[in-house]
Amino acid sequence: ALLTGVFVLCLLNAPLAADEWGDLKVRFVSEGAAANRGIPDVCVWLLPRAGQRLAVHPDYEKSARDQVRIAIVGGMVVPQATSLRTTQTLVISNRDQVGYSIQGDFFSNDSLSRTLMPGQSSEVSCTKPEATPVRLTCAIHPLLLGWLLVRDDAYSAVSDADGVMKISNVARGEGE
């Protein structure tokens, strides 16, 4: 059986120094998964040690105000899991020939409730980070399911169809 919606937290156990940067690349696999064994849609995010903040690489400023797009296609949210920064805008598009009533019950942000007729799009802003991914559903079509991970930094990713995810430019530090 294909596993989706699995959530993993990576805790950085070392103080962060902004003078060195590295990439975190992981592949999630399962014996029962697709032919390539990769597990898609695994949300991963980095957490700093208590009382610390993650050092942010300057390259992330280029995408700080980007629009992040998801679509409803064939009764499915594509991609099924998405990462969004609090400085970015989510655009949800309905590419189907039927309407949808998209809902998301956030903990830190206002709840989401949008009706999208065929061909319509809607912009969503989330100004506060969420502790866990938020479930996106439809009040009309109960099988529609998506996940939205809202973070206040750029250090999150979602695994692709091969189960691979990469978080670039993570500050390296020395272990205690």
C-alpha atoms as a PDB file:
ATOM      1  CA  ALA A   1       0.000   0.000   0.000  1.00  0.00           C
ATOM      2  CA  LEU A   2       1.229   3.452  -0.884  1.00  0.00           C
ATOM      3  CA  LEU A   3       1.824   5.608   2.173  1.00  0.00           C
ATOM      4  CA  THR A   4       1.128   9.323   1.995  1.00  0.00           C
ATOM      5  CA  GLY A   5       0.783  12.021   4.584  1.00  0.00           C
ATOM      6  CA  VAL A   6       3.656  10.719   6.726  1.00  0.00           C
ATOM      7  CA  PHE A   7       5.258  13.486   8.739  1.00  0.00           C
ATOM      8  CA  VAL A   8       8.826  13.596   9.942  1.00  0.00           C
ATOM      9  CA  LEU A   9      10.515  16.163  12.158  1.00  0.00           C
ATOM     10  CA  CYS A  10      14.264  16.659  11.942  1.00  0.00           C
ATOM     11  CA  LEU A  11      15.753  18.304  15.019  1.00  0.00           C
ATOM     12  CA  LEU A  12      19.015  20.135  14.576  1.00  0.00           C
ATOM     13  CA  ASN A  13      21.088  19.260  17.610  1.00  0.00           C
ATOM     14  CA  ALA A  14      23.951  21.610  16.934  1.00  0.00           C
ATOM     15  CA  PRO A  15      24.238  25.372  17.307  1.00  0.00           C
ATOM     16  CA  LEU A  16      23.968  27.000  13.910  1.00  0.00           C
ATOM     17  CA  ALA A  17      26.741  29.014  12.342  1.00  0.00           C
ATOM     18  CA  ALA A  18      25.892  30.974   9.215  1.00  0.00           C
ATOM     19  CA  ASP A  19      29.405  30.748   7.748  1.00  0.00           C
ATOM     20  CA  GLU A  20      28.975  27.201   6.377  1.00  0.00           C
ATOM     21  CA  TRP A  21      26.043  25.755   4.467  1.00  0.00           C
ATOM     22  CA  GLY A  22      25.090  22.249   3.410  1.00  0.00           C
ATOM     23  CA  ASP A  23      22.164  20.335   1.920  1.00  0.00           C
ATOM     24  CA  LEU A  24      19.930  17.752   3.563  1.00  0.00           C
ATOM     25  CA  LYS A  25      18.806  15.123   1.055  1.00  0.00           C
ATOM     26  CA  VAL A  26      16.741  12.090   2.051  1.00  0.00           C
ATOM     27  CA  ARG A  27      14.917   9.312   0.207  1.00  0.00           C
ATOM     28  CA  PHE A  28      11.936   7.628   1.840  1.00  0.00           C
ATOM     29  CA  VAL A  29      11.290   4.052   0.668  1.00  0.00           C
ATOM     30  CA  SER A  30       8.909   1.232   1.520  1.00  0.00           C
ATOM     31  CA  GLU A  31       8.757  -2.432   0.604  1.00  0.00           C
ATOM     32  CA  GLY A  32       5.080  -2.084  -0.315  1.00  0.00           C
ATOM     33  CA  ALA A  33       5.364   1.157  -2.298  1.00  0.00           C
ATOM     34  CA  ALA A  34       5.357   1.657  -6.068  1.00  0.00           C
ATOM     35  CA  ALA A  35       7.910   0.027  -8.359  1.00  0.00           C
ATOM     36  CA  ASN A  36      10.575   2.571  -7.399  1.00  0.00           C
ATOM     37  CA  ARG A  37       9.694   2.007  -3.685  1.00  0.00           C
ATOM     38  CA  GLY A  38       9.698   5.779  -3.124  1.00  0.00           C
ATOM     39  CA  ILE A  39       7.176   7.292  -0.718  1.00  0.00           C
ATOM     40  CA  PRO A  40       5.836  10.608  -2.045  1.00  0.00           C
ATOM     41  CA  ASP A  41       4.383  13.502  -0.045  1.00  0.00           C
ATOM     42  CA  VAL A  42       6.424  13.098   3.129  1.00  0.00           C
ATOM     43  CA  CYS A  43       6.631  16.517   4.815  1.00  0.00           C
ATOM     44  CA  VAL A  44       9.947  17.313   6.474  1.00  0.00           C
ATOM     45  CA  TRP A  45      10.921  20.434   8.356  1.00  0.00           C
ATOM     46  CA  LEU A  46      13.856  21.484  10.472  1.00  0.00           C
ATOM     47  CA  LEU A  47      13.504  22.706  14.020  1.00  0.00           C
ATOM     48  CA  PRO A  48      16.133  24.697  15.904  1.00  0.00           C
ATOM     49  CA  ARG A  49      17.192  23.902  19.419  1.00  0.00           C
ATOM     50  CA  ALA A  50      15.040  25.458  22.114  1.00  0.00           C
ATOM     51  CA  GLY A  51      15.555  29.205  22.314  1.00  0.00           C
ATOM     52  CA  GLN A  52      17.427  29.421  19.006  1.00  0.00           C
ATOM     53  CA  ARG A  53      16.414  30.394  15.471  1.00  0.00           C
ATOM     54  CA  LEU A  54      17.560  28.814  12.252  1.00  0.00           C
ATOM     55  CA  ALA A  55      20.131  30.828  10.343  1.00  0.00           C
ATOM     56  CA  VAL A  56      18.681  31.574   6.904  1.00  0.00           C
ATOM     57  CA  HIS A  57      20.808  31.512   3.776  1.00  0.00           C
ATOM     58  CA  PRO A  58      20.573  34.753   1.723  1.00  0.00           C
ATOM     59  CA  ASP A  59      19.505  32.816  -1.404  1.00  0.00           C
ATOM     60  CA  TYR A  60      16.100  32.186   0.173  1.00  0.00           C
ATOM     61  CA  GLU A  61      15.248  35.887  -0.036  1.00  0.00           C
ATOM     62  CA  LYS A  62      14.765  35.460  -3.813  1.00  0.00           C
ATOM     63  CA  SER A  63      11.712  33.214  -3.283  1.00  0.00           C
ATOM     64  CA  ALA A  64      10.355  34.843  -0.119  1.00  0.00           C
ATOM     65  CA  ARG A  65       7.389  36.477  -1.900  1.00  0.00           C
ATOM     66  CA  ASP A  66       6.686  33.746  -4.468  1.00  0.00           C
ATOM     67  CA  GLN A  67       3.292  32.288  -5.200  1.00  0.00           C
ATOM     68  CA  VAL A  68       3.018  28.580  -4.409  1.00  0.00           C
ATOM     69  CA  ARG A  69       0.459  26.816  -6.588  1.00  0.00           C
ATOM     70  CA  ILE A  70      -1.708  23.778  -6.042  1.00  0.00           C
ATOM     71  CA  ALA A  71      -4.513  22.579  -8.309  1.00  0.00           C
ATOM     72  CA  ILE A  72      -7.511  20.333  -8.135  1.00  0.00           C
ATOM     73  CA  VAL A  73      -7.267  17.943 -11.072  1.00  0.00           C
ATOM     74  CA  GLY A  74      -9.363  14.808 -11.480  1.00  0.00           C
ATOM     75  CA  GLY A  75     -10.727  15.142  -7.959  1.00  0.00           C
ATOM     76  CA  MET A  76      -7.240  15.241  -6.439  1.00  0.00           C
ATOM     77  CA  VAL A  77      -5.070  17.970  -4.917  1.00  0.00           C
ATOM     78  CA  VAL A  78      -1.883  18.235  -7.013  1.00  0.00           C
ATOM     79  CA  PRO A  79       0.620  18.103  -5.502  1.00  0.00           C
ATOM     80  CA  GLN A  80      -0.961  16.283  -2.579  1.00  0.00           C
ATOM     81  CA  ALA A  81       1.422  17.862  -0.056  1.00  0.00           C
ATOM     82  CA  THR A  82       2.877  21.371  -0.315  1.00  0.00           C
ATOM     83  CA  SER A  83       5.194  23.524   1.757  1.00  0.00           C
ATOM     84  CA  LEU A  84       4.438  27.249   2.109  1.00  0.00           C
ATOM     85  CA  ARG A  85       6.359  30.006   3.862  1.00  0.00           C
ATOM     86  CA  THR A  86       4.489  32.676   5.806  1.00  0.00           C
ATOM     87  CA  THR A  87       5.829  35.289   3.373  1.00  0.00           C
ATOM     88  CA  GLN A  88       4.455  33.444   0.329  1.00  0.00           C
ATOM     89  CA  THR A  89       0.939  33.266  -1.128  1.00  0.00           C
ATOM     90  CA  LEU A  90      -0.850  30.003  -1.853  1.00  0.00           C
ATOM     91  CA  VAL A  91      -2.863  29.901  -5.088  1.00  0.00           C
ATOM     92  CA  ILE A  92      -5.466  27.127  -5.304  1.00  0.00           C
ATOM     93  CA  SER A  93      -6.846  26.461  -8.822  1.00  0.00           C
ATOM     94  CA  ASN A  94      -9.791  24.310  -9.850  1.00  0.00           C
ATOM     95  CA  ARG A  95      -9.024  22.632 -13.182  1.00  0.00           C
ATOM     96  CA  ASP A  96     -12.022  20.293 -13.026  1.00  0.00           C
ATOM     97  CA  GLN A  97     -15.485  20.681 -14.527  1.00  0.00           C
ATOM     98  CA  VAL A  98     -17.186  20.589 -11.100  1.00  0.00           C
ATOM     99  CA  GLY A  99     -17.078  22.923  -8.117  1.00  0.00           C
ATOM    100  CA  TYR A 100     -15.255  22.312  -4.843  1.00  0.00           C
ATOM    101  CA  SER A 101     -15.578  23.707  -1.333  1.00  0.00           C
ATOM    102  CA  ILE A 102     -12.000  23.680  -0.060  1.00  0.00           C
ATOM    103  CA  GLN A 103     -11.537  23.699   3.699  1.00  0.00           C
ATOM    104  CA  GLY A 104      -8.555  23.790   6.008  1.00  0.00           C
ATOM    105  CA  ASP A 105      -8.674  23.888   9.795  1.00  0.00           C
ATOM    106  CA  PHE A 106      -5.553  25.754  10.812  1.00  0.00           C
ATOM    107  CA  PHE A 107      -4.387  26.122  14.398  1.00  0.00           C
ATOM    108  CA  SER A 108      -2.496  29.414  14.102  1.00  0.00           C
ATOM    109  CA  ASN A 109      -4.089  30.979  10.999  1.00  0.00           C
ATOM    110  CA  ASP A 110      -7.707  31.692  10.124  1.00  0.00           C
ATOM    111  CA  SER A 111      -9.629  28.654   8.914  1.00  0.00           C
ATOM    112  CA  LEU A 112      -9.862  28.221   5.155  1.00  0.00           C
ATOM    113  CA  SER A 113     -13.232  27.853   3.446  1.00  0.00           C
ATOM    114  CA  ARG A 114     -13.359  28.657  -0.279  1.00  0.00           C
ATOM    115  CA  THR A 115     -15.796  27.618  -2.978  1.00  0.00           C
ATOM    116  CA  LEU A 116     -14.040  27.172  -6.308  1.00  0.00           C
ATOM    117  CA  MET A 117     -16.149  26.854  -9.418  1.00  0.00           C
ATOM    118  CA  PRO A 118     -14.633  25.258 -12.561  1.00  0.00           C
ATOM    119  CA  GLY A 119     -11.697  27.319 -13.801  1.00  0.00           C
ATOM    120  CA  GLN A 120     -11.539  29.534 -10.710  1.00  0.00           C
ATOM    121  CA  SER A 121      -8.518  30.230  -8.523  1.00  0.00           C
ATOM    122  CA  SER A 122      -8.184  31.686  -5.056  1.00  0.00           C
ATOM    123  CA  GLU A 123      -5.256  33.172  -3.149  1.00  0.00           C
ATOM    124  CA  VAL A 124      -4.600  32.263   0.476  1.00  0.00           C
ATOM    125  CA  SER A 125      -2.200  33.975   2.897  1.00  0.00           C
ATOM    126  CA  CYS A 126      -0.967  32.305   6.066  1.00  0.00           C
ATOM    127  CA  THR A 127       0.973  34.770   8.196  1.00  0.00           C
ATOM    128  CA  LYS A 128       1.762  32.427  11.101  1.00  0.00           C
ATOM    129  CA  PRO A 129       3.628  29.109  11.068  1.00  0.00           C
ATOM    130  CA  GLU A 130       1.761  25.904  11.857  1.00  0.00           C
ATOM    131  CA  ALA A 131       3.233  23.257  14.150  1.00  0.00           C
ATOM    132  CA  THR A 132       2.090  20.420  11.882  1.00  0.00           C
ATOM    133  CA  PRO A 133       0.790  20.068   8.316  1.00  0.00           C
ATOM    134  CA  VAL A 134      -2.820  21.183   7.845  1.00  0.00           C
ATOM    135  CA  ARG A 135      -5.311  18.863   6.185  1.00  0.00           C
ATOM    136  CA  LEU A 136      -7.062  20.313   3.108  1.00  0.00           C
ATOM    137  CA  THR A 137     -10.452  18.739   2.343  1.00  0.00           C
ATOM    138  CA  CYS A 138     -13.640  19.390   0.401  1.00  0.00           C
ATOM    139  CA  ALA A 139     -17.087  19.641   2.000  1.00  0.00           C
ATOM    140  CA  ILE A 140     -18.673  18.300  -1.218  1.00  0.00           C
ATOM    141  CA  HIS A 141     -16.173  15.598  -2.207  1.00  0.00           C
ATOM    142  CA  PRO A 142     -14.997  13.687   0.890  1.00  0.00           C
ATOM    143  CA  LEU A 143     -12.228  11.807  -0.936  1.00  0.00           C
ATOM    144  CA  LEU A 144     -10.372  15.004  -1.869  1.00  0.00           C
ATOM    145  CA  LEU A 145      -7.348  15.346   0.411  1.00  0.00           C
ATOM    146  CA  GLY A 146      -4.253  17.515   0.494  1.00  0.00           C
ATOM    147  CA  TRP A 147      -1.726  18.690   3.070  1.00  0.00           C
ATOM    148  CA  LEU A 148      -0.238  22.151   3.583  1.00  0.00           C
ATOM    149  CA  LEU A 149       2.862  22.705   5.698  1.00  0.00           C
ATOM    150  CA  VAL A 150       3.162  26.377   6.732  1.00  0.00           C
ATOM    151  CA  ARG A 151       6.549  27.451   8.109  1.00  0.00           C
ATOM    152  CA  ASP A 152       8.119  30.825   8.884  1.00  0.00           C
ATOM    153  CA  ASP A 153      11.461  29.777   7.389  1.00  0.00           C
ATOM    154  CA  ALA A 154      12.560  28.093   4.184  1.00  0.00           C
ATOM    155  CA  TYR A 155      13.707  24.871   5.807  1.00  0.00           C
ATOM    156  CA  SER A 156      10.972  22.457   4.835  1.00  0.00           C
ATOM    157  CA  ALA A 157      10.371  20.159   1.880  1.00  0.00           C
ATOM    158  CA  VAL A 158       8.027  17.491   0.555  1.00  0.00           C
ATOM    159  CA  SER A 159       9.249  14.239  -0.994  1.00  0.00           C
ATOM    160  CA  ASP A 160       8.648  13.779  -4.722  1.00  0.00           C
ATOM    161  CA  ALA A 161       7.224  10.767  -6.596  1.00  0.00           C
ATOM    162  CA  ASP A 162      10.520   8.899  -6.053  1.00  0.00           C
ATOM    163  CA  GLY A 163      10.475   9.591  -2.304  1.00  0.00           C
ATOM    164  CA  VAL A 164      13.306  12.139  -2.542  1.00  0.00           C
ATOM    165  CA  MET A 165      13.316  15.459  -0.741  1.00  0.00           C
ATOM    166  CA  LYS A 166      16.042  18.048  -0.421  1.00  0.00           C
ATOM    167  CA  ILE A 167      16.463  21.071   1.824  1.00  0.00           C
ATOM    168  CA  SER A 168      19.263  23.274   0.517  1.00  0.00           C
ATOM    169  CA  ASN A 169      21.541  25.727   2.268  1.00  0.00           C
ATOM    170  CA  VAL A 170      21.191  24.542   5.845  1.00  0.00           C
ATOM    171  CA  ALA A 171      23.631  26.245   8.208  1.00  0.00           C
ATOM    172  CA  ARG A 172      26.221  23.889   9.655  1.00  0.00           C
ATOM    173  CA  GLY A 173      27.322  24.056  13.263  1.00  0.00           C
ATOM    174  CA  GLU A 174      29.507  22.241  15.718  1.00  0.00           C
ATOM    175  CA  GLY A 175      28.019  19.550  17.939  1.00  0.00           C
ATOM    176  CA  GLU A 176      28.008  19.975  21.689  1.00  0.00           C
END
